[in-house]
């Protein structure tokens, strides 16, 4: 297990600049939820779900729910990615997970109401990167269309995993923005409290040659650090005017 001293040392050596964010109705903001679903968040729900209660993931779910309710009350747009796979299309190096039609491939119970919320757009994706997973057969992109149709100037990103699906999506969006593919989007903001990643301690990984250790707090920090390095803003907390 990575010691708390090691994590603190990393935080000192590669700090993540973050500050409180107050959202104003004068700047069109959209909320993007990344895979806040049973298969990654609900204890015992599947191969990639937590095996036991996980405080960091529980906090992420609670904060994602709070943000979702605040956006819905204000009738601000919400875009929710749902990891969803066909059984004949594996996603190495990960084991089968979130198969289409399964309980795993459903929003967590606290967010199921989004399925009927007029402000919410739900998108099933069959890959790590939601930006790529939003591409349709005709070449159009559901996420790009959502940004343009709602005239969104900034997005607030929440979800799991900080260093995997969240990070890949954020990096792709920033690249698309920088190349002028996402007008009028200007800012990409990641909520540190509303993101989490999984925990796989070294002593557990050593029991199976197929596993690679993944210390939760450390990788969450590194995910935020890389996102910030790509140009994302990191919000330590999110408030509303």
Protein backbone atom coordinates (compact mmCIF):
# COMPACT_ATOMS: atom_id res chain seq x y z
CA UNK A 1 0.00 0.00 0.00
CA UNK A 2 1.29 3.46 -0.91
CA UNK A 3 1.97 5.40 2.28
CA UNK A 4 0.33 8.74 2.97
CA UNK A 5 3.84 10.23 3.13
CA UNK A 6 4.49 9.12 -0.45
CA UNK A 7 1.26 10.69 -1.68
CA UNK A 8 2.05 13.94 0.15
CA UNK A 9 5.54 13.98 -1.35
CA UNK A 10 4.11 13.59 -4.85
CA UNK A 11 1.63 16.39 -4.15
CA UNK A 12 4.51 18.62 -3.13
CA UNK A 13 6.70 17.72 -6.08
CA UNK A 14 3.96 17.92 -8.74
CA UNK A 15 1.26 20.16 -7.25
CA UNK A 16 -2.11 20.54 -8.89
CA UNK A 17 -3.27 24.13 -9.04
CA UNK A 18 -6.93 24.23 -8.12
CA UNK A 19 -9.30 26.81 -6.78
CA UNK A 20 -12.98 27.19 -5.91
CA UNK A 21 -15.33 27.74 -8.84
CA UNK A 22 -18.50 29.80 -8.69
CA UNK A 23 -20.81 29.16 -11.63
CA UNK A 24 -22.73 32.11 -12.99
CA UNK A 25 -25.89 32.04 -15.10
CA UNK A 26 -24.18 34.58 -17.34
CA UNK A 27 -21.73 31.99 -18.67
CA UNK A 28 -23.38 29.03 -20.41
CA UNK A 29 -22.04 25.96 -18.63
CA UNK A 30 -22.73 22.30 -19.30
CA UNK A 31 -22.17 19.42 -16.88
CA UNK A 32 -20.53 16.27 -18.24
CA UNK A 33 -20.82 13.10 -16.16
CA UNK A 34 -18.40 10.33 -17.07
CA UNK A 35 -19.54 6.79 -16.28
CA UNK A 36 -21.24 7.37 -12.92
CA UNK A 37 -22.75 3.92 -13.32
CA UNK A 38 -23.17 0.73 -11.32
CA UNK A 39 -20.34 -1.08 -13.08
CA UNK A 40 -17.76 1.35 -11.70
CA UNK A 41 -19.43 2.74 -8.59
CA UNK A 42 -21.77 0.21 -6.94
CA UNK A 43 -20.19 -2.31 -4.57
CA UNK A 44 -20.12 -5.80 -6.06
CA UNK A 45 -21.81 -4.78 -9.30
CA UNK A 46 -19.20 -6.27 -11.64
CA UNK A 47 -15.58 -6.97 -12.49
CA UNK A 48 -14.58 -3.30 -12.31
CA UNK A 49 -16.88 -2.24 -9.49
CA UNK A 50 -15.51 -1.69 -5.97
CA UNK A 51 -15.36 -4.89 -3.93
CA UNK A 52 -16.25 -3.06 -0.74
CA UNK A 53 -17.42 0.37 0.33
CA UNK A 54 -15.05 3.02 -1.04
CA UNK A 55 -15.08 6.48 0.54
CA UNK A 56 -13.55 8.27 -2.44
CA UNK A 57 -16.00 6.78 -4.93
CA UNK A 58 -18.93 7.43 -2.59
CA UNK A 59 -17.88 11.07 -2.30
CA UNK A 60 -17.63 11.32 -6.07
CA UNK A 61 -21.16 9.96 -6.49
CA UNK A 62 -22.56 12.32 -3.85
CA UNK A 63 -20.92 15.36 -5.42
CA UNK A 64 -21.98 14.31 -8.93
CA UNK A 65 -25.56 14.01 -7.69
CA UNK A 66 -25.39 17.44 -6.04
CA UNK A 67 -24.08 19.04 -9.21
CA UNK A 68 -26.64 17.25 -11.38
CA UNK A 69 -29.53 18.44 -9.21
CA UNK A 70 -28.20 22.00 -9.22
CA UNK A 71 -27.87 22.00 -13.02
CA UNK A 72 -31.31 20.44 -13.48
CA UNK A 73 -32.96 22.97 -11.17
CA UNK A 74 -31.44 25.76 -13.24
CA UNK A 75 -32.35 24.02 -16.50
CA UNK A 76 -28.70 23.93 -17.51
CA UNK A 77 -27.60 21.19 -19.93
CA UNK A 78 -26.24 17.85 -18.68
CA UNK A 79 -24.43 15.22 -20.76
CA UNK A 80 -24.01 11.79 -19.16
CA UNK A 81 -21.74 9.10 -20.59
CA UNK A 82 -22.65 5.48 -19.88
CA UNK A 83 -20.00 2.82 -20.49
CA UNK A 84 -21.70 0.04 -22.46
CA UNK A 85 -20.13 -2.87 -24.33
CA UNK A 86 -21.19 -5.66 -26.68
CA UNK A 87 -19.97 -9.06 -25.42
CA UNK A 88 -18.17 -9.78 -28.69
CA UNK A 89 -16.16 -6.53 -28.53
CA UNK A 90 -13.71 -6.78 -25.61
CA UNK A 91 -11.81 -3.76 -24.28
CA UNK A 92 -8.31 -5.00 -23.39
CA UNK A 93 -6.62 -4.87 -20.97
CA UNK A 94 -9.86 -4.75 -18.96
CA UNK A 95 -12.01 -7.82 -18.22
CA UNK A 96 -15.63 -7.95 -19.49
CA UNK A 97 -17.65 -5.16 -17.93
CA UNK A 98 -20.78 -3.04 -18.39
CA UNK A 99 -22.28 -5.32 -21.03
CA UNK A 100 -25.19 -3.83 -22.93
CA UNK A 101 -28.51 -4.34 -21.19
CA UNK A 102 -26.89 -5.28 -17.88
CA UNK A 103 -27.30 -3.73 -14.43
CA UNK A 104 -23.69 -2.58 -14.68
CA UNK A 105 -24.47 -0.38 -17.67
CA UNK A 106 -26.98 1.75 -15.76
CA UNK A 107 -26.58 5.04 -13.98
CA UNK A 108 -26.23 4.66 -10.22
CA UNK A 109 -29.63 4.67 -8.47
CA UNK A 110 -29.12 8.24 -7.26
CA UNK A 111 -28.90 9.44 -10.86
CA UNK A 112 -31.46 7.26 -12.62
CA UNK A 113 -33.83 10.25 -12.68
CA UNK A 114 -31.63 11.74 -15.40
CA UNK A 115 -33.16 9.25 -17.82
CA UNK A 116 -36.33 11.34 -17.76
CA UNK A 117 -34.83 14.78 -17.26
CA UNK A 118 -35.40 17.09 -20.24
CA UNK A 119 -32.09 18.86 -19.58
CA UNK A 120 -30.07 15.64 -19.82
CA UNK A 121 -28.53 13.91 -22.82
CA UNK A 122 -27.42 10.32 -22.20
CA UNK A 123 -24.82 8.70 -24.40
CA UNK A 124 -23.78 5.07 -24.32
CA UNK A 125 -20.11 4.63 -25.23
CA UNK A 126 -18.15 1.48 -25.98
CA UNK A 127 -14.67 2.88 -25.45
CA UNK A 128 -12.61 4.68 -22.81
CA UNK A 129 -12.69 8.08 -24.51
CA UNK A 130 -16.20 9.53 -24.54
CA UNK A 131 -15.30 12.03 -27.26
CA UNK A 132 -14.44 9.16 -29.60
CA UNK A 133 -17.43 7.22 -28.28
CA UNK A 134 -19.69 10.07 -29.38
CA UNK A 135 -18.83 9.63 -33.06
CA UNK A 136 -21.74 8.36 -35.17
CA UNK A 137 -21.57 6.19 -38.31
CA UNK A 138 -22.00 9.27 -40.51
CA UNK A 139 -19.02 10.98 -38.89
CA UNK A 140 -21.03 13.40 -36.78
CA UNK A 141 -20.34 13.67 -33.06
CA UNK A 142 -23.15 13.75 -30.49
CA UNK A 143 -21.05 15.58 -27.91
CA UNK A 144 -19.89 18.20 -30.41
CA UNK A 145 -23.49 18.75 -31.50
CA UNK A 146 -24.56 19.10 -27.84
CA UNK A 147 -21.97 21.82 -27.26
CA UNK A 148 -22.92 23.71 -30.40
CA UNK A 149 -26.69 23.34 -30.07
CA UNK A 150 -26.62 24.57 -26.47
CA UNK A 151 -23.99 27.24 -27.19
CA UNK A 152 -21.94 26.00 -24.26
CA UNK A 153 -18.92 28.11 -23.35
CA UNK A 154 -17.54 25.91 -20.61
CA UNK A 155 -18.01 22.38 -19.37
CA UNK A 156 -17.68 21.01 -15.85
CA UNK A 157 -16.49 17.40 -15.85
CA UNK A 158 -17.22 14.85 -13.11
CA UNK A 159 -17.01 11.08 -12.88
CA UNK A 160 -14.75 8.05 -12.88
CA UNK A 161 -11.94 7.25 -13.42
CA UNK A 162 -9.93 10.45 -12.96
CA UNK A 163 -6.87 9.04 -14.72
CA UNK A 164 -8.65 6.90 -17.31
CA UNK A 165 -12.03 7.78 -18.88
CA UNK A 166 -12.20 11.28 -17.39
CA UNK A 167 -8.66 12.12 -18.45
CA UNK A 168 -8.95 10.71 -21.97
CA UNK A 169 -12.19 12.61 -22.57
CA UNK A 170 -10.77 15.86 -21.21
CA UNK A 171 -7.63 15.60 -23.34
CA UNK A 172 -9.63 14.94 -26.51
CA UNK A 173 -12.00 17.84 -25.81
CA UNK A 174 -9.08 20.20 -25.21
CA UNK A 175 -7.43 19.12 -28.46
CA UNK A 176 -10.70 19.58 -30.36
CA UNK A 177 -11.20 23.00 -28.80
CA UNK A 178 -7.66 24.07 -29.64
CA UNK A 179 -8.24 23.08 -33.27
CA UNK A 180 -11.47 25.08 -33.50
CA UNK A 181 -13.80 22.07 -33.68
CA UNK A 182 -15.90 22.99 -30.62
CA UNK A 183 -17.12 26.57 -30.86
CA UNK A 184 -18.12 28.35 -28.66
CA UNK A 185 -16.44 26.18 -25.97
CA UNK A 186 -13.63 27.97 -24.15
CA UNK A 187 -13.07 26.37 -20.75
CA UNK A 188 -12.82 22.76 -19.63
CA UNK A 189 -13.09 22.41 -15.84
CA UNK A 190 -12.57 19.23 -13.83
CA UNK A 191 -14.14 18.98 -10.38
CA UNK A 192 -11.62 17.28 -8.10
CA UNK A 193 -14.30 16.41 -5.53
CA UNK A 194 -16.63 14.98 -8.15
CA UNK A 195 -14.00 12.68 -9.65
CA UNK A 196 -12.49 9.44 -8.36
CA UNK A 197 -10.53 6.45 -9.51
CA UNK A 198 -10.27 2.84 -8.39
CA UNK A 199 -7.91 1.31 -5.87
CA UNK A 200 -5.78 -1.77 -6.54
CA UNK A 201 -3.05 -2.09 -3.89
CA UNK A 202 0.33 -3.58 -4.77
CA UNK A 203 -0.08 -6.58 -2.46
CA UNK A 204 -3.29 -7.51 -4.30
CA UNK A 205 -1.75 -6.98 -7.73
CA UNK A 206 1.10 -9.33 -6.83
CA UNK A 207 -1.37 -12.20 -6.45
CA UNK A 208 -2.18 -12.18 -10.17
CA UNK A 209 0.31 -11.58 -12.99
CA UNK A 210 -2.47 -10.00 -15.07
CA UNK A 211 -2.96 -7.19 -12.54
CA UNK A 212 -1.09 -3.90 -12.25
CA UNK A 213 -1.13 -1.95 -9.00
CA UNK A 214 -3.17 1.25 -8.99
CA UNK A 215 -3.01 3.30 -5.76
CA UNK A 216 -6.19 5.35 -5.65
CA UNK A 217 -5.14 8.65 -4.08
CA UNK A 218 -1.91 8.82 -6.04
CA UNK A 219 -3.51 8.09 -9.41
CA UNK A 220 -6.37 10.52 -8.74
CA UNK A 221 -3.77 13.23 -8.14
CA UNK A 222 -1.79 12.29 -11.23
CA UNK A 223 -4.94 12.29 -13.35
CA UNK A 224 -5.74 15.83 -12.22
CA UNK A 225 -2.12 16.89 -12.75
CA UNK A 226 -2.07 15.65 -16.35
CA UNK A 227 -5.47 17.22 -17.09
CA UNK A 228 -4.22 20.56 -15.79
CA UNK A 229 -1.07 20.19 -17.86
CA UNK A 230 -3.21 19.78 -20.98
CA UNK A 231 -5.05 23.02 -20.23
CA UNK A 232 -7.99 22.06 -18.01
CA UNK A 233 -8.92 24.10 -14.95
CA UNK A 234 -9.23 22.13 -11.72
CA UNK A 235 -11.99 23.15 -9.31
CA UNK A 236 -11.44 22.37 -5.63
CA UNK A 237 -15.15 23.00 -4.99
CA UNK A 238 -18.11 24.17 -7.06
CA UNK A 239 -20.50 26.87 -5.91
CA UNK A 240 -23.47 28.53 -7.59
CA UNK A 241 -24.50 32.18 -7.72
